[in-house]
Amino acid sequence: MNILYTGIFSKKCFSFRVRRCSAFYSAETKEVIPPIIPDVKFDCLERCLGGSEHKTEKIIIGTYAEETLSFVCNIRCGIPFAYTRWNDGELDTLTGWKSKTRVRMTQLEGWTTDNNTVNSESLNFDLRESLKVRDPNFLYGFNYPSCGEGLVIQQLSGGGSWKWVSQFSRLKIYPPVNQLTYADLLSGRNYHYFGLKELLLRIAKEKNCTVFANKRAKRNKKAPWFDRIIPFDADLTGSWLTKRKKCIRDATTIAKSKSSHIFLIALGPISNILIARMWEANPQNTYVDVGSALNEFHGFGMQARAYMRNPTCQAMGPTCTPMRYKPNLSIGSTDFRKRSVKEIDKLRCCTPIIPNCSLVLERWYPPVKQNGSRRLTCKGILSKAFILDHVEKLCRCGGKGSNEAIIDCVAT
């Protein structure tokens, strides 16, 4: 394990089971890891993570697999934590921009926001306040590229966007690195190929789980957790000013009434606000922003999300190289309202951590059979040499001793 990464995790357990840690396929080592059978004599989290390294301070963002392992082990071992997700919806809400995704979600799920209104000011304030929680068990998921190739072009990121992360990092209240992780731990490749869909289903079916969702989810009475869905208005973002007090009061009240409970919350940007308030009210529960990961079970279908309708490629080329990152908030633009991002902004949010800056692109295959084939590949977009040169240069430049040297390195 790279000694720079002192915070997380070996690859012992990757899929969730109620009583045991089942065997899983490791995409990095290309092997099946045998299950760990728990007994009363060992600490669950330490064994699940593969040792005591998780107890040390986390100083960089781990690989997609490492961060997912931490998430799964916390669930498996009953460790209370919170997980919020900061994507284009939250970015649009804070800036007033309207991306293609925002327009599509308005049509599909019914939530809207208008810029420069009293309602938008209230929503913006509460969303920013939810970024201020400082607790290592309160996680903020941003769109770090799960594949290093995503630092070259977003279509190779595996679902992430360094541009969005860089823009969020311009906020003065951007969280410290020990609270940062990936926004797509429950989607992307994890959803179909690494057991997170199954994880969500198992959690949602448990009696100690409550689901906050769009009231339209109550139309699907076949969902096993139907009786434990707490419905909210579809357009909470558009009516936040009038619904704010009741939503927060109801959410914090139920949080206080539960212990060792899991809340799965699917309310768009409002999820982040409620999770922060609920954590403050009772940090002995687990609060997870599931985004759209329950959509197909709540009657919203699969077509609006690429990771559901096209799981084979999911915005990737033939390679997907695991990458660790560190932020460098002293370089790049600090203007949150500025929409443009430059090469230097990649290092501001997502400086790649590679031993000796020597990168070997790793082929990616789904670790499950699909349509009778064990190996399904995607077409490449850029040459391997171009990707290697670009990512290795970012690594070298990010290791320079001064900001001036970093800026000069990127410019050459």
Protein backbone atom coordinates (compact mmCIF):
# COMPACT_ATOMS: atom_id res chain seq x y z
CA MET A 1 0.00 0.00 0.00
CA ASN A 2 1.23 3.47 -0.85
CA ILE A 3 2.61 4.95 2.36
CA LEU A 4 1.23 8.39 1.42
CA TYR A 5 -2.23 7.07 2.00
CA THR A 6 -2.41 6.62 5.75
CA GLY A 7 -6.15 6.72 6.21
CA ILE A 8 -7.74 3.65 4.60
CA PHE A 9 -7.87 0.28 3.65
CA SER A 10 -6.88 -3.09 2.37
CA LYS A 11 -9.26 -5.09 0.20
CA LYS A 12 -10.88 -7.60 2.52
CA CYS A 13 -14.59 -7.10 2.13
CA PHE A 14 -16.51 -5.45 -0.65
CA SER A 15 -20.10 -6.67 -0.57
CA PHE A 16 -22.64 -6.32 2.20
CA ARG A 17 -24.19 -9.15 4.16
CA VAL A 18 -26.19 -8.95 7.34
CA ARG A 19 -24.23 -11.55 9.31
CA ARG A 20 -20.96 -11.96 7.47
CA CYS A 21 -18.55 -10.37 5.10
CA SER A 22 -18.98 -12.29 1.85
CA ALA A 23 -16.35 -13.01 -0.77
CA PHE A 24 -15.95 -10.39 -3.48
CA TYR A 25 -14.13 -9.81 -6.73
CA SER A 26 -11.29 -7.29 -6.55
CA ALA A 27 -11.05 -5.22 -9.74
CA GLU A 28 -7.52 -4.16 -8.80
CA THR A 29 -5.99 -7.55 -7.99
CA LYS A 30 -8.19 -9.59 -10.36
CA GLU A 31 -8.82 -12.22 -7.70
CA VAL A 32 -11.59 -13.46 -5.49
CA ILE A 33 -11.01 -12.59 -1.84
CA PRO A 34 -12.38 -15.21 0.58
CA PRO A 35 -15.00 -14.20 3.13
CA ILE A 36 -14.22 -13.23 6.71
CA ILE A 37 -16.35 -15.09 9.23
CA PRO A 38 -16.82 -12.88 12.28
CA ASP A 39 -16.64 -14.07 15.87
CA VAL A 40 -16.98 -12.30 19.21
CA LYS A 41 -13.25 -11.91 19.71
CA PHE A 42 -12.32 -9.30 17.10
CA ASP A 43 -13.22 -5.78 16.27
CA CYS A 44 -15.54 -5.80 13.26
CA LEU A 45 -14.36 -2.60 11.63
CA GLU A 46 -10.67 -3.36 12.04
CA ARG A 47 -11.06 -6.79 10.48
CA CYS A 48 -13.28 -5.51 7.69
CA LEU A 49 -10.74 -2.83 6.81
CA GLY A 50 -7.87 -5.27 7.12
CA GLY A 51 -5.98 -3.82 10.07
CA SER A 52 -5.59 -0.71 12.16
CA GLU A 53 -4.55 1.69 9.38
CA HIS A 54 -8.02 3.21 9.28
CA LYS A 55 -7.39 4.67 12.74
CA THR A 56 -4.73 7.06 11.49
CA GLU A 57 -5.51 10.42 9.99
CA LYS A 58 -6.72 10.42 6.42
CA ILE A 59 -4.59 12.87 4.45
CA ILE A 60 -5.65 12.09 0.85
CA ILE A 61 -8.68 10.68 -0.97
CA GLY A 62 -8.24 6.96 -1.57
CA THR A 63 -9.02 5.00 -4.69
CA TYR A 64 -12.62 4.33 -5.63
CA ALA A 65 -12.29 0.79 -4.25
CA GLU A 66 -10.71 1.94 -0.98
CA GLU A 67 -13.34 4.59 -0.32
CA THR A 68 -16.12 2.16 -1.19
CA LEU A 69 -14.65 -0.39 1.20
CA SER A 70 -14.72 2.13 4.02
CA PHE A 71 -18.38 2.91 3.26
CA VAL A 72 -19.37 -0.76 3.16
CA CYS A 73 -17.47 -1.62 6.34
CA ASN A 74 -19.13 1.19 8.24
CA ILE A 75 -22.51 -0.16 7.17
CA ARG A 76 -21.62 -3.75 7.91
CA CYS A 77 -20.24 -2.98 11.37
CA GLY A 78 -22.96 -0.58 12.41
CA ILE A 79 -20.68 2.47 12.66
CA PRO A 80 -22.82 5.65 12.60
CA PHE A 81 -21.85 8.04 9.80
CA ALA A 82 -23.32 10.49 7.32
CA TYR A 83 -22.78 10.58 3.56
CA THR A 84 -23.84 13.54 1.42
CA ARG A 85 -23.36 13.95 -2.31
CA TRP A 86 -22.42 17.14 -4.15
CA ASN A 87 -23.07 16.95 -7.87
CA ASP A 88 -24.33 19.22 -10.65
CA GLY A 89 -27.69 19.69 -8.95
CA GLU A 90 -26.08 21.21 -5.88
CA LEU A 91 -23.67 23.21 -8.04
CA ASP A 92 -26.55 24.60 -10.11
CA THR A 93 -28.47 25.44 -6.96
CA LEU A 94 -25.56 27.38 -5.46
CA THR A 95 -24.64 29.22 -8.65
CA GLY A 96 -27.99 29.67 -10.37
CA TRP A 97 -26.73 27.88 -13.47
CA LYS A 98 -29.02 25.53 -15.34
CA SER A 99 -27.21 22.51 -16.70
CA LYS A 100 -28.70 19.90 -19.01
CA THR A 101 -29.00 17.60 -16.02
CA ARG A 102 -31.00 20.20 -14.11
CA VAL A 103 -33.45 20.59 -16.98
CA ARG A 104 -33.82 16.82 -17.28
CA MET A 105 -34.37 16.34 -13.54
CA THR A 106 -36.98 19.09 -13.55
CA GLN A 107 -38.89 17.16 -16.17
CA LEU A 108 -38.42 13.73 -14.57
CA GLU A 109 -38.54 14.33 -10.82
CA GLY A 110 -40.21 17.71 -10.61
CA TRP A 111 -37.72 19.75 -8.58
CA THR A 112 -36.83 23.26 -9.67
CA THR A 113 -35.03 26.37 -8.45
CA ASP A 114 -35.12 29.96 -9.64
CA ASN A 115 -32.20 32.31 -9.33
CA ASN A 116 -32.23 35.64 -7.44
CA THR A 117 -35.40 35.02 -5.43
CA VAL A 118 -36.00 34.96 -1.69
CA ASN A 119 -36.61 31.21 -1.98
CA SER A 120 -33.30 30.62 -3.78
CA GLU A 121 -31.44 32.74 -1.20
CA SER A 122 -32.89 30.63 1.63
CA LEU A 123 -32.04 27.38 -0.16
CA ASN A 124 -28.54 28.62 -1.00
CA PHE A 125 -27.90 29.62 2.62
CA ASP A 126 -29.02 26.28 4.05
CA LEU A 127 -27.06 24.33 1.47
CA ARG A 128 -23.89 26.24 2.34
CA GLU A 129 -24.52 25.73 6.04
CA SER A 130 -24.67 21.97 5.46
CA LEU A 131 -21.08 22.14 4.19
CA LYS A 132 -19.84 23.33 7.59
CA VAL A 133 -20.13 20.11 9.59
CA ARG A 134 -16.67 19.18 10.87
CA ASP A 135 -16.68 15.57 11.95
CA PRO A 136 -14.59 12.78 10.33
CA ASN A 137 -17.68 10.55 10.36
CA PHE A 138 -19.60 13.07 8.26
CA LEU A 139 -18.59 12.47 4.64
CA TYR A 140 -18.89 14.81 1.69
CA GLY A 141 -18.94 13.05 -1.68
CA PHE A 142 -17.70 15.09 -4.63
CA ASN A 143 -17.26 14.06 -8.26
CA TYR A 144 -13.64 12.94 -8.12
CA PRO A 145 -12.94 10.85 -11.24
CA SER A 146 -12.97 7.21 -10.15
CA CYS A 147 -10.66 6.51 -13.10
CA GLY A 148 -7.44 8.48 -13.45
CA GLU A 149 -8.21 8.79 -17.17
CA GLY A 150 -10.95 11.23 -16.17
CA LEU A 151 -8.28 13.84 -15.49
CA VAL A 152 -7.72 13.93 -19.24
CA ILE A 153 -11.30 13.92 -20.48
CA GLN A 154 -14.55 13.64 -18.52
CA GLN A 155 -15.90 10.86 -20.76
CA LEU A 156 -13.24 8.57 -19.29
CA SER A 157 -13.86 9.46 -15.67
CA GLY A 158 -16.16 6.60 -14.69
CA GLY A 159 -18.84 9.11 -13.80
CA GLY A 160 -16.87 11.91 -12.13
CA SER A 161 -16.09 15.46 -13.16
CA TRP A 162 -12.94 17.21 -11.97
CA LYS A 163 -14.45 20.47 -13.22
CA TRP A 164 -17.32 20.27 -10.74
CA VAL A 165 -14.98 19.33 -7.91
CA SER A 166 -12.69 22.21 -8.75
CA GLN A 167 -15.59 24.66 -8.72
CA PHE A 168 -16.82 23.40 -5.36
CA SER A 169 -13.27 23.65 -3.98
CA ARG A 170 -13.37 27.42 -4.50
CA LEU A 171 -15.81 27.74 -1.61
CA LYS A 172 -14.13 28.91 1.59
CA ILE A 173 -16.18 26.33 3.49
CA TYR A 174 -14.93 23.41 1.37
CA PRO A 175 -14.52 20.43 3.76
CA PRO A 176 -11.14 19.15 4.97
CA VAL A 177 -9.64 16.13 3.23
CA ASN A 178 -10.50 13.69 6.04
CA GLN A 179 -14.19 14.20 5.18
CA LEU A 180 -13.87 13.94 1.40
CA THR A 181 -14.84 10.97 -0.72
CA TYR A 182 -16.50 10.11 -4.06
CA ALA A 183 -20.03 11.22 -4.91
CA ASP A 184 -20.80 8.04 -6.86
CA LEU A 185 -20.16 5.34 -4.26
CA LEU A 186 -23.74 4.14 -4.77
CA SER A 187 -23.85 4.59 -8.54
CA GLY A 188 -21.51 4.25 -11.51
CA ARG A 189 -19.66 0.94 -11.66
CA ASN A 190 -20.52 0.19 -8.04
CA TYR A 191 -24.23 0.00 -8.72
CA HIS A 192 -24.17 -2.99 -11.06
CA TYR A 193 -20.75 -4.57 -10.73
CA PHE A 194 -19.55 -4.17 -7.17
CA GLY A 195 -22.65 -5.00 -5.14
CA LEU A 196 -23.92 -1.58 -4.08
CA LYS A 197 -27.34 -2.12 -5.64
CA GLU A 198 -27.64 -5.24 -3.54
CA LEU A 199 -26.35 -3.32 -0.54
CA LEU A 200 -29.09 -0.71 -0.88
CA LEU A 201 -31.78 -3.35 -1.29
CA ARG A 202 -30.65 -5.21 1.81
CA ILE A 203 -30.48 -2.02 3.87
CA ALA A 204 -33.87 -0.76 2.67
CA LYS A 205 -35.53 -4.09 3.52
CA GLU A 206 -34.31 -3.97 7.12
CA LYS A 207 -36.82 -2.78 9.71
CA ASN A 208 -34.30 -0.37 11.19
CA CYS A 209 -34.27 1.64 7.95
CA THR A 210 -36.41 4.62 6.94
CA VAL A 211 -36.53 6.08 3.43
CA PHE A 212 -37.13 9.77 2.68
CA ALA A 213 -38.33 10.13 -0.91
CA ASN A 214 -40.40 12.06 -3.41
CA LYS A 215 -44.07 11.42 -2.64
CA ARG A 216 -44.42 9.86 -6.09
CA ALA A 217 -42.44 6.90 -4.73
CA LYS A 218 -45.53 5.91 -2.74
CA ARG A 219 -47.21 5.00 -6.01
CA ASN A 220 -45.11 1.85 -6.17
CA LYS A 221 -46.68 -0.31 -3.49
CA LYS A 222 -44.49 -3.28 -4.43
CA ALA A 223 -41.40 -1.80 -2.80
CA PRO A 224 -40.66 -3.98 0.28
CA TRP A 225 -40.02 -0.80 2.30
CA PHE A 226 -43.24 0.89 1.15
CA ASP A 227 -44.54 1.30 4.73
CA ARG A 228 -41.26 2.90 5.80
CA ILE A 229 -41.19 5.58 3.09
CA ILE A 230 -41.70 9.09 4.42
CA PRO A 231 -43.00 11.11 1.45
CA PHE A 232 -41.98 14.69 0.68
CA ASP A 233 -43.29 17.11 -1.92
CA ALA A 234 -41.70 16.69 -5.34
CA ASP A 235 -40.58 20.28 -5.68
CA LEU A 236 -39.06 21.01 -2.29
CA THR A 237 -36.33 23.12 -3.88
CA GLY A 238 -38.88 25.35 -5.57
CA SER A 239 -40.96 25.77 -2.41
CA TRP A 240 -38.18 25.59 0.19
CA LEU A 241 -38.96 28.95 1.79
CA THR A 242 -42.46 27.86 2.79
CA LYS A 243 -41.67 24.20 3.53
CA ARG A 244 -38.30 24.69 5.24
CA LYS A 245 -39.32 24.84 8.92
CA LYS A 246 -41.65 21.85 8.75
CA CYS A 247 -39.20 19.70 6.77
CA ILE A 248 -36.35 20.36 9.17
CA ARG A 249 -38.55 19.94 12.24
CA ASP A 250 -40.01 16.63 11.03
CA ALA A 251 -36.62 15.27 9.98
CA THR A 252 -34.83 16.16 13.22
CA THR A 253 -37.71 14.88 15.31
CA ILE A 254 -37.59 11.43 13.75
CA ALA A 255 -33.78 11.44 13.96
CA LYS A 256 -33.97 12.05 17.69
CA SER A 257 -36.55 9.29 18.11
CA LYS A 258 -34.29 6.59 16.63
CA SER A 259 -31.06 4.91 17.70
CA SER A 260 -28.68 2.89 15.51
CA HIS A 261 -31.09 3.58 12.67
CA ILE A 262 -30.31 3.97 8.94
CA PHE A 263 -31.93 6.73 6.91
CA LEU A 264 -31.78 6.53 3.11
CA ILE A 265 -32.59 9.97 1.73
CA ALA A 266 -33.47 10.72 -1.90
CA LEU A 267 -34.54 14.37 -2.03
CA GLY A 268 -32.09 16.02 -4.40
CA PRO A 269 -30.14 18.97 -2.91
CA ILE A 270 -32.50 18.98 0.08
CA SER A 271 -30.93 15.67 1.17
CA ASN A 272 -27.71 17.45 2.12
CA ILE A 273 -29.54 20.02 4.22
CA LEU A 274 -31.61 17.47 6.12
CA ILE A 275 -28.71 15.09 6.69
CA ALA A 276 -26.63 17.87 8.25
CA ARG A 277 -29.49 18.85 10.56
CA MET A 278 -30.30 15.24 11.46
CA TRP A 279 -26.65 14.47 12.22
CA GLU A 280 -26.52 17.49 14.48
CA ALA A 281 -29.69 16.30 16.24
CA ASN A 282 -28.50 12.69 16.65
CA PRO A 283 -25.10 11.42 15.42
CA GLN A 284 -25.89 7.89 16.64
CA ASN A 285 -27.74 7.08 13.42
CA THR A 286 -26.52 6.64 9.84
CA TYR A 287 -27.72 9.06 7.16
CA VAL A 288 -27.07 8.32 3.49
CA ASP A 289 -27.88 10.46 0.46
CA VAL A 290 -28.76 7.75 -2.08
CA GLY A 291 -29.40 10.15 -4.94
CA SER A 292 -31.14 8.34 -7.79
CA ALA A 293 -29.97 4.85 -6.77
CA LEU A 294 -33.49 3.80 -5.67
CA ASN A 295 -35.23 5.33 -8.70
CA GLU A 296 -35.96 2.06 -10.46
CA PHE A 297 -37.67 0.76 -7.31
CA HIS A 298 -39.63 3.97 -6.76
CA GLY A 299 -41.22 4.04 -10.19
CA PHE A 300 -38.97 6.62 -11.87
CA GLY A 301 -37.44 4.14 -14.31
CA MET A 302 -33.82 3.74 -15.40
CA GLN A 303 -33.52 5.82 -18.57
CA ALA A 304 -32.56 9.12 -16.95
CA ARG A 305 -29.33 7.74 -15.48
CA ALA A 306 -26.53 6.41 -17.66
CA TYR A 307 -25.16 4.06 -15.00
CA MET A 308 -28.55 2.28 -14.93
CA ARG A 309 -29.35 2.06 -18.61
CA ASN A 310 -25.81 1.49 -19.95
CA PRO A 311 -23.87 -0.31 -17.22
CA THR A 312 -21.22 -1.84 -19.46
CA CYS A 313 -19.30 1.25 -20.48
CA GLN A 314 -20.61 3.87 -18.04
CA ALA A 315 -18.62 6.76 -19.45
CA MET A 316 -15.34 4.83 -19.66
CA GLY A 317 -12.84 3.70 -22.21
CA PRO A 318 -11.02 0.35 -22.29
CA THR A 319 -8.91 1.31 -19.26
CA CYS A 320 -9.84 2.56 -15.80
CA THR A 321 -6.83 3.23 -13.60
CA PRO A 322 -7.40 3.58 -9.83
CA MET A 323 -6.19 6.93 -8.55
CA ARG A 324 -5.63 8.59 -5.22
CA TYR A 325 -5.98 12.36 -4.97
CA LYS A 326 -5.03 15.27 -2.76
CA PRO A 327 -6.37 18.83 -2.95
CA ASN A 328 -4.12 21.88 -3.20
CA LEU A 329 -6.43 24.79 -2.41
CA SER A 330 -3.65 27.38 -2.64
CA ILE A 331 -3.53 27.30 -6.46
CA GLY A 332 -6.06 27.86 -9.23
CA SER A 333 -9.10 30.11 -9.26
CA THR A 334 -10.85 31.04 -6.01
CA ASP A 335 -13.88 32.66 -7.67
CA PHE A 336 -16.82 30.33 -7.10
CA ARG A 337 -19.05 32.24 -9.50
CA LYS A 338 -16.55 31.90 -12.33
CA ARG A 339 -17.70 29.08 -14.55
CA SER A 340 -14.52 28.42 -16.51
CA VAL A 341 -11.84 26.02 -15.26
CA LYS A 342 -8.25 25.67 -16.44
CA GLU A 343 -5.54 23.04 -16.34
CA ILE A 344 -4.19 24.37 -13.04
CA ASP A 345 -7.61 23.82 -11.47
CA LYS A 346 -7.15 20.08 -11.88
CA LEU A 347 -4.32 20.25 -9.36
CA ARG A 348 -6.37 22.49 -7.07
CA CYS A 349 -8.97 19.77 -6.54
CA CYS A 350 -7.48 16.54 -7.79
CA THR A 351 -3.70 16.28 -7.71
CA PRO A 352 -3.04 12.62 -8.64
CA ILE A 353 -0.96 10.56 -6.22
CA ILE A 354 1.18 8.05 -8.13
CA PRO A 355 4.34 6.33 -6.82
CA ASN A 356 7.30 7.94 -8.63
CA CYS A 357 4.75 9.50 -11.04
CA SER A 358 4.97 6.32 -13.09
CA LEU A 359 1.53 5.33 -14.32
CA VAL A 360 0.42 2.01 -15.81
CA LEU A 361 -3.04 2.11 -17.33
CA GLU A 362 -5.20 -0.75 -16.11
CA ARG A 363 -7.70 -2.50 -18.34
CA TRP A 364 -11.20 -2.53 -16.94
CA TYR A 365 -13.68 -5.37 -17.25
CA PRO A 366 -17.00 -5.86 -15.50
CA PRO A 367 -16.41 -8.58 -12.87
CA VAL A 368 -19.73 -10.28 -13.67
CA LYS A 369 -21.12 -12.13 -16.63
CA GLN A 370 -23.45 -10.25 -18.92
CA ASN A 371 -25.14 -11.73 -21.97
CA GLY A 372 -22.96 -14.81 -21.61
CA SER A 373 -19.71 -12.86 -21.93
CA ARG A 374 -17.22 -12.50 -19.09
CA ARG A 375 -15.33 -9.60 -20.62
CA LEU A 376 -16.99 -6.58 -22.12
CA THR A 377 -14.88 -3.63 -23.24
CA CYS A 378 -15.61 -0.11 -24.35
CA LYS A 379 -14.13 1.78 -27.27
CA GLY A 380 -11.20 4.05 -26.55
CA ILE A 381 -11.47 7.82 -27.02
CA LEU A 382 -7.84 8.89 -26.65
CA SER A 383 -4.54 7.11 -27.20
CA LYS A 384 -2.86 5.50 -24.22
CA ALA A 385 0.29 7.54 -24.75
CA PHE A 386 -1.66 10.79 -24.58
CA ILE A 387 -3.39 9.76 -21.36
CA LEU A 388 -0.13 8.59 -19.76
CA ASP A 389 1.73 11.78 -20.61
CA HIS A 390 -1.05 14.00 -19.32
CA VAL A 391 -1.67 12.28 -15.97
CA GLU A 392 2.05 11.78 -15.27
CA LYS A 393 2.66 15.48 -15.92
CA LEU A 394 -0.06 16.41 -13.44
CA CYS A 395 1.60 14.15 -10.87
CA ARG A 396 5.03 15.71 -11.44
CA CYS A 397 3.71 19.26 -11.38
CA GLY A 398 1.67 18.64 -8.24
CA GLY A 399 4.82 17.54 -6.44
CA LYS A 400 6.67 20.80 -7.00
CA GLY A 401 7.73 22.67 -3.90
CA SER A 402 6.10 26.03 -4.52
CA ASN A 403 2.97 27.39 -6.15
CA GLU A 404 5.08 29.30 -8.65
CA ALA A 405 6.87 26.10 -9.68
CA ILE A 406 3.56 24.27 -10.01
CA ILE A 407 2.08 27.01 -12.20
CA ASP A 408 5.20 27.12 -14.41
CA CYS A 409 5.19 23.31 -14.73
CA VAL A 410 1.56 23.18 -15.85
CA ALA A 411 2.12 25.99 -18.34
CA THR A 412 5.00 24.22 -20.11
